N, C-alpha and C. Protein backbone atom coordinates (compact mmCIF):
# COMPACT_ATOMS: atom_id res chain seq x y z
N MET A 1 -16.69 -2.78 -15.28
CA MET A 1 -17.08 -2.44 -14.25
C MET A 1 -16.24 -3.16 -13.11
N LYS A 2 -15.68 -4.47 -13.32
CA LYS A 2 -14.64 -5.29 -12.58
C LYS A 2 -13.39 -4.67 -12.59
N LYS A 3 -12.95 -4.18 -14.04
CA LYS A 3 -11.65 -3.51 -13.95
C LYS A 3 -11.62 -2.29 -13.02
N MET A 4 -12.54 -1.31 -13.13
CA MET A 4 -12.68 -0.50 -12.00
C MET A 4 -12.37 -0.56 -10.78
N ILE A 5 -12.96 -1.71 -10.23
CA ILE A 5 -12.99 -2.44 -8.72
C ILE A 5 -11.33 -2.67 -8.83
N LEU A 6 -11.10 -3.38 -9.49
CA LEU A 6 -9.46 -3.97 -9.59
C LEU A 6 -8.53 -2.83 -9.27
N PHE A 7 -8.72 -1.93 -10.20
CA PHE A 7 -8.00 -0.56 -10.45
C PHE A 7 -7.94 0.05 -9.03
N VAL A 8 -8.88 0.25 -8.38
CA VAL A 8 -9.41 1.11 -7.18
C VAL A 8 -8.42 -0.05 -5.91
N ALA A 9 -8.88 -1.23 -5.95
CA ALA A 9 -8.45 -2.12 -5.11
C ALA A 9 -6.73 -2.28 -5.17
N GLY A 10 -6.19 -2.11 -6.43
CA GLY A 10 -4.79 -2.21 -6.72
C GLY A 10 -4.05 -1.01 -5.96
N ILE A 11 -4.77 0.10 -6.34
CA ILE A 11 -4.02 1.47 -5.51
C ILE A 11 -4.27 1.53 -4.20
N PHE A 12 -5.36 0.97 -3.59
CA PHE A 12 -5.62 0.63 -2.18
C PHE A 12 -4.49 0.12 -1.50
N VAL A 13 -4.24 -1.41 -2.12
CA VAL A 13 -3.41 -2.30 -1.68
C VAL A 13 -1.54 -1.51 -1.69
N GLY A 14 -1.69 -1.25 -3.01
CA GLY A 14 -0.26 -0.31 -3.27
C GLY A 14 0.13 0.59 -2.15
N SER A 15 -0.92 1.72 -1.96
CA SER A 15 -0.75 2.32 -0.77
C SER A 15 -0.43 1.94 0.50
N ALA A 16 -1.21 0.97 0.79
CA ALA A 16 -1.27 0.36 2.11
C ALA A 16 0.27 -0.38 2.47
N VAL A 17 0.59 -1.22 1.37
CA VAL A 17 2.05 -1.62 1.30
C VAL A 17 2.96 -0.63 1.81
N GLY A 18 3.02 0.68 0.78
CA GLY A 18 4.06 1.74 0.72
C GLY A 18 4.19 2.09 2.35
N VAL A 19 2.80 2.45 2.87
CA VAL A 19 2.86 2.74 4.34
C VAL A 19 3.09 1.87 5.39
N ILE A 20 3.05 0.67 5.39
CA ILE A 20 3.55 -0.24 5.98
C ILE A 20 5.26 -0.53 5.97
N ALA A 21 5.68 -0.08 4.58
CA ALA A 21 7.08 -0.44 4.40
C ALA A 21 7.82 0.74 5.09
N MET A 22 7.25 1.84 4.93
CA MET A 22 7.65 3.00 5.34
C MET A 22 7.53 3.19 7.09
N CYS A 23 6.70 2.50 7.51
CA CYS A 23 6.50 2.33 9.07
C CYS A 23 7.73 1.36 9.63
N ILE A 24 7.93 0.30 8.67
CA ILE A 24 9.32 -0.81 9.18
C ILE A 24 10.53 -0.11 8.99
N LEU A 25 10.74 0.89 7.96
CA LEU A 25 11.75 1.45 7.84
C LEU A 25 12.03 2.32 9.09
N GLN A 26 11.18 3.02 9.50
CA GLN A 26 11.36 3.84 10.43
C GLN A 26 11.67 3.53 11.68
N VAL A 27 11.18 1.93 12.23
CA VAL A 27 11.37 1.31 13.34
C VAL A 27 12.79 0.93 13.33
N ASN A 28 13.39 0.43 12.12
CA ASN A 28 14.76 -0.13 11.92
C ASN A 28 15.64 0.79 11.97
N ARG A 29 15.24 2.22 11.90
CA ARG A 29 16.33 3.22 12.05
C ARG A 29 16.91 3.39 13.56
N LYS A 30 15.50 3.09 14.33
CA LYS A 30 15.83 3.36 15.94
C LYS A 30 16.79 2.62 16.40
């Protein structure tokens, strides 16, 4: 059960970091 929670949390954190990184790249380009 804990592994499933960690797995979902890892995906959520990974996607959040990816979105933030994309936003930073877009701002730096302007």
